[in-house]
Amino acid sequence: MIMKSMQSTLAAVLLAAIQISSAQTQSAPDAQKPAPAPAPSATTPPTASKKTSPYKPNPVSRKATEYYGGVWGVDSLSARWTESGEVIRFSYRVLDAEKAKPLNDKKNEPALIDPRAGVKLVVPSLEKIGQLRQSATPENGKVYWMAFSNKGRLVKRGDRVDVVIGQFRAEGLTVE
């Protein structure tokens, strides 16, 4: 009996609290409501808030690592956004120099594709230096790189990109 009266008292108190809360929100004067944000004018550009993900990029899966190591003789694939943002650096470590030869072959034009941005970046070629990539005969255990021009900074950190070099294709690399 005491338990039923305690339950009904508790229910009555909760119901009263809900009714008071809803009555206060319905009868609040307009003066207490926040003023609507002013519409941005044509002369002031909207401020872009930089959203960064709290999650770490997904590493290359175990199966993908086995595939790249077994078929192409490379591992430790990475795509990194440089400090200026004007260059994306793709690097890889050679496990089997014979299998990795096509990646360093100058005849194979490399491209970095970002489906989100809808762009295809290329390795720039400078007049006195040549292409910004390593094209020496690969050696086991060495890390090789190439730099893709990101003019306009269209490819951002966190984007998923594909790197294509001749028949080689590394898909879904996260730009770090």
N, C-alpha and C. Protein backbone atom coordinates (compact mmCIF):
# COMPACT_ATOMS: atom_id res chain seq x y z
N MET A 1 0.82 -1.18 0.00
CA MET A 1 0.00 0.00 0.00
C MET A 1 0.87 1.25 0.00
N ILE A 2 1.90 1.24 0.86
CA ILE A 2 2.80 2.39 0.94
C ILE A 2 3.54 2.54 -0.38
N MET A 3 3.89 1.44 -0.98
CA MET A 3 4.60 1.47 -2.26
C MET A 3 3.75 2.11 -3.34
N LYS A 4 2.44 1.79 -3.38
CA LYS A 4 1.55 2.36 -4.39
C LYS A 4 1.41 3.85 -4.20
N SER A 5 1.32 4.30 -2.97
CA SER A 5 1.17 5.74 -2.73
C SER A 5 2.45 6.48 -3.09
N MET A 6 3.63 5.85 -2.85
CA MET A 6 4.90 6.48 -3.23
C MET A 6 5.01 6.57 -4.75
N GLN A 7 4.57 5.53 -5.46
CA GLN A 7 4.62 5.54 -6.92
C GLN A 7 3.69 6.61 -7.47
N SER A 8 2.49 6.71 -6.92
CA SER A 8 1.56 7.71 -7.44
C SER A 8 2.03 9.12 -7.11
N THR A 9 2.67 9.31 -5.96
CA THR A 9 3.21 10.63 -5.60
C THR A 9 4.35 10.99 -6.55
N LEU A 10 5.22 10.05 -6.82
CA LEU A 10 6.33 10.29 -7.73
C LEU A 10 5.83 10.60 -9.14
N ALA A 11 4.82 9.88 -9.60
CA ALA A 11 4.24 10.14 -10.91
C ALA A 11 3.62 11.53 -10.95
N ALA A 12 2.94 11.94 -9.89
CA ALA A 12 2.32 13.26 -9.84
C ALA A 12 3.37 14.35 -9.88
N VAL A 13 4.48 14.18 -9.16
CA VAL A 13 5.55 15.17 -9.15
C VAL A 13 6.18 15.29 -10.54
N LEU A 14 6.45 14.16 -11.20
CA LEU A 14 7.01 14.18 -12.55
C LEU A 14 6.07 14.85 -13.54
N LEU A 15 4.78 14.55 -13.45
CA LEU A 15 3.80 15.15 -14.35
C LEU A 15 3.73 16.65 -14.13
N ALA A 16 3.77 17.10 -12.87
CA ALA A 16 3.73 18.53 -12.57
C ALA A 16 4.98 19.22 -13.11
N ALA A 17 6.14 18.59 -12.99
CA ALA A 17 7.38 19.18 -13.50
C ALA A 17 7.34 19.32 -15.01
N ILE A 18 6.81 18.33 -15.68
CA ILE A 18 6.71 18.39 -17.15
C ILE A 18 5.75 19.49 -17.56
N GLN A 19 4.63 19.63 -16.87
CA GLN A 19 3.64 20.65 -17.22
C GLN A 19 4.20 22.04 -16.98
N ILE A 20 4.92 22.23 -15.87
CA ILE A 20 5.51 23.54 -15.57
C ILE A 20 6.56 23.89 -16.62
N SER A 21 7.38 22.91 -16.98
CA SER A 21 8.43 23.14 -17.97
C SER A 21 7.85 23.52 -19.32
N SER A 22 6.80 22.81 -19.76
CA SER A 22 6.21 23.12 -21.06
C SER A 22 5.46 24.44 -21.02
N ALA A 23 4.87 24.79 -19.88
CA ALA A 23 4.15 26.06 -19.76
C ALA A 23 5.13 27.22 -19.83
N GLN A 24 6.31 27.07 -19.24
CA GLN A 24 7.31 28.14 -19.27
C GLN A 24 7.83 28.36 -20.68
N THR A 25 8.06 27.29 -21.41
CA THR A 25 8.58 27.45 -22.78
C THR A 25 7.53 28.02 -23.70
N GLN A 26 6.25 27.74 -23.47
CA GLN A 26 5.20 28.26 -24.33
C GLN A 26 4.90 29.72 -24.03
N SER A 27 5.03 30.13 -22.76
CA SER A 27 4.65 31.50 -22.40
C SER A 27 5.85 32.43 -22.34
N ALA A 28 7.02 32.00 -22.77
CA ALA A 28 8.20 32.86 -22.74
C ALA A 28 7.99 34.02 -23.68
N PRO A 29 8.27 35.25 -23.22
CA PRO A 29 8.08 36.41 -24.09
C PRO A 29 9.08 36.41 -25.24
N ASP A 30 8.71 37.10 -26.32
CA ASP A 30 9.56 37.15 -27.51
C ASP A 30 10.88 37.85 -27.24
N ALA A 31 10.92 38.71 -26.20
CA ALA A 31 12.14 39.44 -25.90
C ALA A 31 13.26 38.51 -25.46
N GLN A 32 12.90 37.37 -24.90
CA GLN A 32 13.93 36.45 -24.44
C GLN A 32 14.43 35.52 -25.54
N LYS A 33 13.75 35.46 -26.64
CA LYS A 33 14.19 34.61 -27.75
C LYS A 33 15.41 35.25 -28.41
N PRO A 34 16.38 34.44 -28.83
CA PRO A 34 17.54 35.02 -29.50
C PRO A 34 17.15 35.63 -30.84
N ALA A 35 17.81 36.74 -31.15
CA ALA A 35 17.53 37.42 -32.42
C ALA A 35 18.04 36.55 -33.55
N PRO A 36 17.33 36.53 -34.68
CA PRO A 36 17.82 35.73 -35.81
C PRO A 36 19.14 36.30 -36.31
N ALA A 37 20.00 35.41 -36.78
CA ALA A 37 21.31 35.83 -37.30
C ALA A 37 21.10 36.66 -38.55
N PRO A 38 21.87 37.75 -38.68
CA PRO A 38 21.72 38.57 -39.87
C PRO A 38 22.17 37.82 -41.11
N ALA A 39 21.48 38.04 -42.19
CA ALA A 39 21.82 37.38 -43.44
C ALA A 39 23.14 37.94 -43.95
N PRO A 40 24.05 37.10 -44.45
CA PRO A 40 25.32 37.61 -44.95
C PRO A 40 25.09 38.49 -46.16
N SER A 41 25.77 39.62 -46.17
CA SER A 41 25.62 40.53 -47.31
C SER A 41 26.55 40.10 -48.42
N ALA A 42 26.36 40.68 -49.57
CA ALA A 42 27.17 40.32 -50.74
C ALA A 42 28.61 40.77 -50.57
N THR A 43 28.85 41.80 -49.71
CA THR A 43 30.21 42.32 -49.56
C THR A 43 31.03 41.54 -48.56
N THR A 44 30.39 40.87 -47.60
CA THR A 44 31.16 40.11 -46.61
C THR A 44 31.11 38.63 -46.95
N PRO A 45 32.28 38.01 -47.14
CA PRO A 45 32.28 36.58 -47.46
C PRO A 45 31.90 35.78 -46.23
N PRO A 46 31.20 34.66 -46.42
CA PRO A 46 30.85 33.82 -45.28
C PRO A 46 32.10 33.19 -44.70
N THR A 47 32.16 33.08 -43.40
CA THR A 47 33.33 32.47 -42.78
C THR A 47 33.21 30.96 -42.89
N ALA A 48 34.26 30.37 -43.36
CA ALA A 48 34.28 28.91 -43.53
C ALA A 48 34.83 28.29 -42.26
N SER A 49 34.04 27.49 -41.62
CA SER A 49 34.52 26.82 -40.42
C SER A 49 35.22 25.54 -40.84
N LYS A 50 36.44 25.38 -40.35
CA LYS A 50 37.22 24.20 -40.71
C LYS A 50 36.77 23.05 -39.84
N LYS A 51 36.26 22.02 -40.45
CA LYS A 51 35.82 20.84 -39.72
C LYS A 51 36.90 19.79 -39.82
N THR A 52 37.37 19.36 -38.68
CA THR A 52 38.35 18.29 -38.65
C THR A 52 37.74 17.09 -37.97
N SER A 53 38.04 15.97 -38.49
CA SER A 53 37.49 14.74 -37.96
C SER A 53 38.25 14.32 -36.71
N PRO A 54 37.54 13.86 -35.68
CA PRO A 54 38.24 13.38 -34.49
C PRO A 54 38.80 11.97 -34.67
N TYR A 55 38.51 11.36 -35.81
CA TYR A 55 38.92 9.98 -36.05
C TYR A 55 40.23 9.95 -36.81
N LYS A 56 41.04 8.94 -36.53
CA LYS A 56 42.30 8.76 -37.24
C LYS A 56 42.01 8.10 -38.58
N PRO A 57 42.82 8.39 -39.61
CA PRO A 57 42.58 7.77 -40.91
C PRO A 57 42.74 6.26 -40.83
N ASN A 58 41.96 5.57 -41.64
CA ASN A 58 42.05 4.12 -41.68
C ASN A 58 43.36 3.71 -42.34
N PRO A 59 44.11 2.83 -41.72
CA PRO A 59 45.32 2.35 -42.39
C PRO A 59 44.92 1.42 -43.53
N VAL A 60 45.88 1.14 -44.38
CA VAL A 60 45.64 0.21 -45.48
C VAL A 60 45.34 -1.15 -44.85
N SER A 61 44.30 -1.81 -45.33
CA SER A 61 43.89 -3.08 -44.75
C SER A 61 44.96 -4.15 -44.93
N ARG A 62 44.86 -5.19 -44.13
CA ARG A 62 45.83 -6.29 -44.19
C ARG A 62 45.81 -6.95 -45.57
N LYS A 63 44.62 -7.15 -46.11
CA LYS A 63 44.52 -7.79 -47.44
C LYS A 63 45.12 -6.91 -48.52
N ALA A 64 44.89 -5.60 -48.41
CA ALA A 64 45.46 -4.68 -49.40
C ALA A 64 46.99 -4.67 -49.28
N THR A 65 47.49 -4.69 -48.07
CA THR A 65 48.94 -4.72 -47.86
C THR A 65 49.54 -5.98 -48.49
N GLU A 66 48.87 -7.12 -48.29
CA GLU A 66 49.33 -8.37 -48.89
C GLU A 66 49.29 -8.30 -50.41
N TYR A 67 48.23 -7.69 -50.95
CA TYR A 67 48.10 -7.55 -52.41
C TYR A 67 49.23 -6.70 -52.97
N TYR A 68 49.42 -5.50 -52.41
CA TYR A 68 50.45 -4.59 -52.93
C TYR A 68 51.84 -5.21 -52.77
N GLY A 69 52.07 -5.92 -51.67
CA GLY A 69 53.36 -6.57 -51.46
C GLY A 69 53.58 -7.73 -52.40
N GLY A 70 52.54 -8.55 -52.61
CA GLY A 70 52.67 -9.74 -53.45
C GLY A 70 52.69 -9.44 -54.93
N VAL A 71 51.83 -8.53 -55.38
CA VAL A 71 51.72 -8.24 -56.82
C VAL A 71 52.69 -7.16 -57.26
N TRP A 72 52.83 -6.09 -56.48
CA TRP A 72 53.63 -4.94 -56.90
C TRP A 72 54.96 -4.81 -56.16
N GLY A 73 55.18 -5.61 -55.12
CA GLY A 73 56.45 -5.56 -54.40
C GLY A 73 56.65 -4.29 -53.59
N VAL A 74 55.57 -3.67 -53.10
CA VAL A 74 55.67 -2.45 -52.31
C VAL A 74 54.76 -2.53 -51.08
N ASP A 75 55.07 -1.72 -50.07
CA ASP A 75 54.18 -1.57 -48.92
C ASP A 75 54.38 -0.16 -48.35
N SER A 76 53.78 0.12 -47.21
CA SER A 76 53.87 1.43 -46.55
C SER A 76 53.43 2.56 -47.49
N LEU A 77 52.34 2.34 -48.20
CA LEU A 77 51.82 3.36 -49.09
C LEU A 77 51.25 4.51 -48.27
N SER A 78 51.55 5.74 -48.65
CA SER A 78 50.99 6.89 -47.95
C SER A 78 50.86 8.08 -48.88
N ALA A 79 49.86 8.89 -48.59
CA ALA A 79 49.65 10.15 -49.30
C ALA A 79 49.60 11.23 -48.23
N ARG A 80 50.49 12.20 -48.32
CA ARG A 80 50.59 13.24 -47.29
C ARG A 80 50.44 14.63 -47.89
N TRP A 81 49.68 15.43 -47.18
CA TRP A 81 49.45 16.84 -47.53
C TRP A 81 50.62 17.62 -46.97
N THR A 82 51.35 18.38 -47.79
CA THR A 82 52.50 19.14 -47.29
C THR A 82 52.01 20.36 -46.54
N GLU A 83 52.91 20.99 -45.84
CA GLU A 83 52.56 22.16 -45.01
C GLU A 83 51.92 23.28 -45.82
N SER A 84 52.40 23.52 -47.01
CA SER A 84 51.82 24.59 -47.83
C SER A 84 50.49 24.17 -48.43
N GLY A 85 50.27 22.87 -48.55
CA GLY A 85 49.04 22.38 -49.17
C GLY A 85 49.08 22.36 -50.68
N GLU A 86 50.15 22.84 -51.26
CA GLU A 86 50.28 22.92 -52.71
C GLU A 86 50.81 21.62 -53.32
N VAL A 87 51.23 20.69 -52.47
CA VAL A 87 51.80 19.43 -52.95
C VAL A 87 51.26 18.28 -52.11
N ILE A 88 50.91 17.19 -52.79
CA ILE A 88 50.57 15.95 -52.12
C ILE A 88 51.71 14.97 -52.41
N ARG A 89 52.30 14.43 -51.35
CA ARG A 89 53.46 13.54 -51.50
C ARG A 89 53.00 12.10 -51.34
N PHE A 90 53.20 11.30 -52.38
CA PHE A 90 52.89 9.87 -52.35
C PHE A 90 54.20 9.13 -52.15
N SER A 91 54.23 8.22 -51.18
CA SER A 91 55.46 7.46 -50.96
C SER A 91 55.14 5.98 -50.75
N TYR A 92 56.15 5.15 -50.99
CA TYR A 92 56.01 3.70 -50.83
C TYR A 92 57.39 3.11 -50.58
N ARG A 93 57.40 1.95 -49.92
CA ARG A 93 58.64 1.24 -49.64
C ARG A 93 58.70 0.02 -50.55
N VAL A 94 59.85 -0.23 -51.13
CA VAL A 94 60.03 -1.34 -52.06
C VAL A 94 60.43 -2.60 -51.28
N LEU A 95 59.66 -3.66 -51.52
CA LEU A 95 59.96 -4.98 -50.95
C LEU A 95 60.65 -5.87 -51.97
N ASP A 96 60.20 -5.78 -53.22
CA ASP A 96 60.73 -6.59 -54.32
C ASP A 96 61.00 -5.65 -55.48
N ALA A 97 62.27 -5.36 -55.71
CA ALA A 97 62.67 -4.38 -56.72
C ALA A 97 62.18 -4.74 -58.12
N GLU A 98 62.18 -6.01 -58.46
CA GLU A 98 61.75 -6.44 -59.80
C GLU A 98 60.27 -6.13 -60.03
N LYS A 99 59.44 -6.44 -59.03
CA LYS A 99 58.00 -6.20 -59.15
C LYS A 99 57.67 -4.71 -59.12
N ALA A 100 58.49 -3.90 -58.45
CA ALA A 100 58.22 -2.47 -58.27
C ALA A 100 58.74 -1.61 -59.43
N LYS A 101 59.42 -2.19 -60.40
CA LYS A 101 59.98 -1.42 -61.52
C LYS A 101 58.96 -0.52 -62.23
N PRO A 102 57.74 -1.00 -62.50
CA PRO A 102 56.79 -0.14 -63.21
C PRO A 102 56.44 1.16 -62.47
N LEU A 103 56.56 1.18 -61.17
CA LEU A 103 56.25 2.39 -60.41
C LEU A 103 57.29 3.48 -60.62
N ASN A 104 58.53 3.09 -60.90
CA ASN A 104 59.60 4.07 -61.12
C ASN A 104 59.87 4.32 -62.60
N ASP A 105 59.14 3.66 -63.48
CA ASP A 105 59.35 3.82 -64.91
C ASP A 105 58.84 5.19 -65.37
N LYS A 106 59.71 5.97 -66.01
CA LYS A 106 59.34 7.32 -66.47
C LYS A 106 58.25 7.28 -67.54
N LYS A 107 58.10 6.17 -68.23
CA LYS A 107 57.08 6.07 -69.28
C LYS A 107 55.68 6.03 -68.69
N ASN A 108 55.55 5.55 -67.46
CA ASN A 108 54.24 5.49 -66.81
C ASN A 108 53.94 6.81 -66.12
N GLU A 109 52.94 7.52 -66.65
CA GLU A 109 52.57 8.81 -66.08
C GLU A 109 51.73 8.61 -64.82
N PRO A 110 52.20 9.10 -63.67
CA PRO A 110 51.41 8.96 -62.44
C PRO A 110 50.30 10.01 -62.36
N ALA A 111 49.22 9.64 -61.68
CA ALA A 111 48.10 10.56 -61.45
C ALA A 111 47.52 10.27 -60.07
N LEU A 112 47.09 11.32 -59.40
CA LEU A 112 46.41 11.20 -58.11
C LEU A 112 44.98 11.69 -58.34
N ILE A 113 44.01 10.82 -58.09
CA ILE A 113 42.61 11.13 -58.37
C ILE A 113 41.85 11.28 -57.06
N ASP A 114 41.13 12.40 -56.93
CA ASP A 114 40.29 12.65 -55.75
C ASP A 114 38.85 12.73 -56.23
N PRO A 115 38.06 11.67 -56.01
CA PRO A 115 36.67 11.68 -56.47
C PRO A 115 35.82 12.75 -55.78
N ARG A 116 36.10 13.05 -54.50
CA ARG A 116 35.31 14.06 -53.77
C ARG A 116 35.49 15.44 -54.41
N ALA A 117 36.73 15.79 -54.70
CA ALA A 117 37.01 17.10 -55.29
C ALA A 117 36.81 17.08 -56.80
N GLY A 118 36.76 15.88 -57.39
CA GLY A 118 36.59 15.77 -58.83
C GLY A 118 37.81 16.23 -59.61
N VAL A 119 39.00 15.93 -59.07
CA VAL A 119 40.23 16.37 -59.73
C VAL A 119 41.19 15.21 -59.96
N LYS A 120 42.07 15.43 -60.92
CA LYS A 120 43.14 14.48 -61.22
C LYS A 120 44.44 15.29 -61.20
N LEU A 121 45.28 15.02 -60.19
CA LEU A 121 46.53 15.75 -60.05
C LEU A 121 47.65 15.01 -60.78
N VAL A 122 48.60 15.77 -61.29
CA VAL A 122 49.74 15.20 -62.01
C VAL A 122 51.03 15.59 -61.32
N VAL A 123 52.10 14.88 -61.67
CA VAL A 123 53.43 15.21 -61.17
C VAL A 123 53.97 16.33 -62.05
N PRO A 124 54.29 17.48 -61.46
CA PRO A 124 54.79 18.58 -62.29
C PRO A 124 56.20 18.29 -62.80
N SER A 125 56.52 18.88 -63.93
CA SER A 125 57.84 18.73 -64.52
C SER A 125 58.48 20.11 -64.57
N LEU A 126 59.59 20.27 -63.89
CA LEU A 126 60.30 21.55 -63.87
C LEU A 126 61.39 21.54 -64.92
N GLU A 127 61.64 22.71 -65.48
CA GLU A 127 62.55 22.84 -66.62
C GLU A 127 63.94 22.26 -66.36
N LYS A 128 64.58 22.65 -65.27
CA LYS A 128 65.95 22.20 -65.01
C LYS A 128 66.03 20.92 -64.18
N ILE A 129 64.95 20.58 -63.48
CA ILE A 129 64.97 19.43 -62.58
C ILE A 129 64.32 18.21 -63.22
N GLY A 130 63.27 18.43 -63.96
CA GLY A 130 62.49 17.33 -64.52
C GLY A 130 61.29 17.04 -63.65
N GLN A 131 60.75 15.84 -63.73
CA GLN A 131 59.58 15.48 -62.94
C GLN A 131 59.93 15.37 -61.46
N LEU A 132 58.97 15.77 -60.61
CA LEU A 132 59.17 15.68 -59.17
C LEU A 132 58.80 14.27 -58.69
N ARG A 133 59.64 13.34 -59.09
CA ARG A 133 59.46 11.94 -58.70
C ARG A 133 60.79 11.23 -58.82
N GLN A 134 60.92 10.14 -58.10
CA GLN A 134 62.13 9.33 -58.21
C GLN A 134 61.92 8.29 -59.29
N SER A 135 62.89 8.20 -60.18
CA SER A 135 62.75 7.25 -61.28
C SER A 135 63.97 6.34 -61.42
N ALA A 136 64.81 6.31 -60.39
CA ALA A 136 65.97 5.40 -60.42
C ALA A 136 65.49 3.96 -60.30
N THR A 137 66.33 3.03 -60.67
CA THR A 137 65.99 1.61 -60.54
C THR A 137 65.73 1.33 -59.06
N PRO A 138 64.57 0.76 -58.75
CA PRO A 138 64.24 0.54 -57.34
C PRO A 138 65.16 -0.48 -56.67
N GLU A 139 65.38 -0.27 -55.37
CA GLU A 139 66.19 -1.18 -54.56
C GLU A 139 65.35 -1.63 -53.37
N ASN A 140 65.52 -2.89 -52.99
CA ASN A 140 64.78 -3.44 -51.85
C ASN A 140 65.06 -2.63 -50.57
N GLY A 141 63.97 -2.35 -49.83
CA GLY A 141 64.10 -1.67 -48.55
C GLY A 141 64.10 -0.16 -48.62
N LYS A 142 64.24 0.42 -49.80
CA LYS A 142 64.28 1.88 -49.92
C LYS A 142 62.86 2.45 -50.09
N VAL A 143 62.69 3.68 -49.63
CA VAL A 143 61.42 4.39 -49.75
C VAL A 143 61.53 5.36 -50.93
N TYR A 144 60.52 5.34 -51.79
CA TYR A 144 60.48 6.22 -52.95
C TYR A 144 59.26 7.11 -52.85
N TRP A 145 59.31 8.25 -53.54
CA TRP A 145 58.23 9.23 -53.44
C TRP A 145 58.01 9.91 -54.78
N MET A 146 56.88 10.57 -54.86
CA MET A 146 56.59 11.47 -55.98
C MET A 146 55.67 12.56 -55.45
N ALA A 147 55.76 13.74 -56.03
CA ALA A 147 54.99 14.89 -55.56
C ALA A 147 53.97 15.28 -56.62
N PHE A 148 52.71 15.38 -56.19
CA PHE A 148 51.63 15.78 -57.08
C PHE A 148 51.27 17.24 -56.82
N SER A 149 51.14 18.02 -57.88
CA SER A 149 50.80 19.43 -57.74
C SER A 149 49.33 19.56 -57.30
N ASN A 150 49.10 20.27 -56.21
CA ASN A 150 47.76 20.49 -55.66
C ASN A 150 47.42 21.98 -55.71
N LYS A 151 47.61 22.57 -56.88
CA LYS A 151 47.36 24.00 -57.04
C LYS A 151 45.90 24.30 -56.73
N GLY A 152 45.69 25.30 -55.91
CA GLY A 152 44.33 25.64 -55.50
C GLY A 152 43.88 24.86 -54.28
N ARG A 153 44.73 23.96 -53.81
CA ARG A 153 44.45 23.15 -52.61
C ARG A 153 43.09 22.47 -52.67
N LEU A 154 42.80 21.85 -53.80
CA LEU A 154 41.51 21.17 -53.98
C LEU A 154 41.44 19.86 -53.21
N VAL A 155 42.58 19.17 -53.09
CA VAL A 155 42.63 17.94 -52.31
C VAL A 155 42.96 18.34 -50.88
N LYS A 156 42.15 17.89 -49.93
CA LYS A 156 42.29 18.26 -48.52
C LYS A 156 42.74 17.08 -47.69
N ARG A 157 43.22 17.37 -46.48
CA ARG A 157 43.53 16.31 -45.53
C ARG A 157 42.27 15.53 -45.23
N GLY A 158 42.39 14.22 -45.15
CA GLY A 158 41.23 13.38 -44.86
C GLY A 158 40.53 12.86 -46.10
N ASP A 159 40.82 13.43 -47.27
CA ASP A 159 40.22 12.96 -48.51
C ASP A 159 40.74 11.56 -48.83
N ARG A 160 39.90 10.77 -49.48
CA ARG A 160 40.30 9.45 -49.98
C ARG A 160 40.71 9.62 -51.43
N VAL A 161 41.91 9.17 -51.76
CA VAL A 161 42.43 9.36 -53.11
C VAL A 161 42.90 8.03 -53.68
N ASP A 162 43.00 8.00 -55.01
CA ASP A 162 43.55 6.86 -55.73
C ASP A 162 44.81 7.32 -56.45
N VAL A 163 45.86 6.51 -56.42
CA VAL A 163 47.09 6.82 -57.14
C VAL A 163 47.23 5.78 -58.25
N VAL A 164 47.39 6.29 -59.48
CA VAL A 164 47.50 5.42 -60.65
C VAL A 164 48.84 5.68 -61.32
N ILE A 165 49.61 4.60 -61.52
CA ILE A 165 50.90 4.69 -62.22
C ILE A 165 50.93 3.53 -63.19
N GLY A 166 50.62 3.78 -64.46
CA GLY A 166 50.54 2.70 -65.44
C GLY A 166 49.44 1.73 -65.05
N GLN A 167 49.77 0.45 -64.87
CA GLN A 167 48.79 -0.56 -64.46
C GLN A 167 48.58 -0.59 -62.94
N PHE A 168 49.48 0.03 -62.18
CA PHE A 168 49.38 0.07 -60.72
C PHE A 168 48.26 1.03 -60.31
N ARG A 169 47.48 0.60 -59.32
CA ARG A 169 46.41 1.45 -58.81
C ARG A 169 46.26 1.21 -57.31
N ALA A 170 46.55 2.23 -56.51
CA ALA A 170 46.35 2.19 -55.06
C ALA A 170 45.08 2.98 -54.77
N GLU A 171 44.05 2.29 -54.27
CA GLU A 171 42.74 2.92 -54.07
C GLU A 171 42.47 3.20 -52.61
N GLY A 172 41.79 4.33 -52.37
CA GLY A 172 41.29 4.63 -51.04
C GLY A 172 42.33 5.06 -50.04
N LEU A 173 43.45 5.63 -50.49
CA LEU A 173 44.45 6.13 -49.55
C LEU A 173 43.91 7.40 -48.91
N THR A 174 44.07 7.53 -47.62
CA THR A 174 43.63 8.74 -46.91
C THR A 174 44.77 9.74 -46.89
N VAL A 175 44.50 10.97 -47.33
CA VAL A 175 45.52 12.02 -47.32
C VAL A 175 45.72 12.45 -45.87
N GLU A 176 46.94 12.31 -45.41
CA GLU A 176 47.26 12.64 -44.01
C GLU A 176 47.77 14.05 -43.90
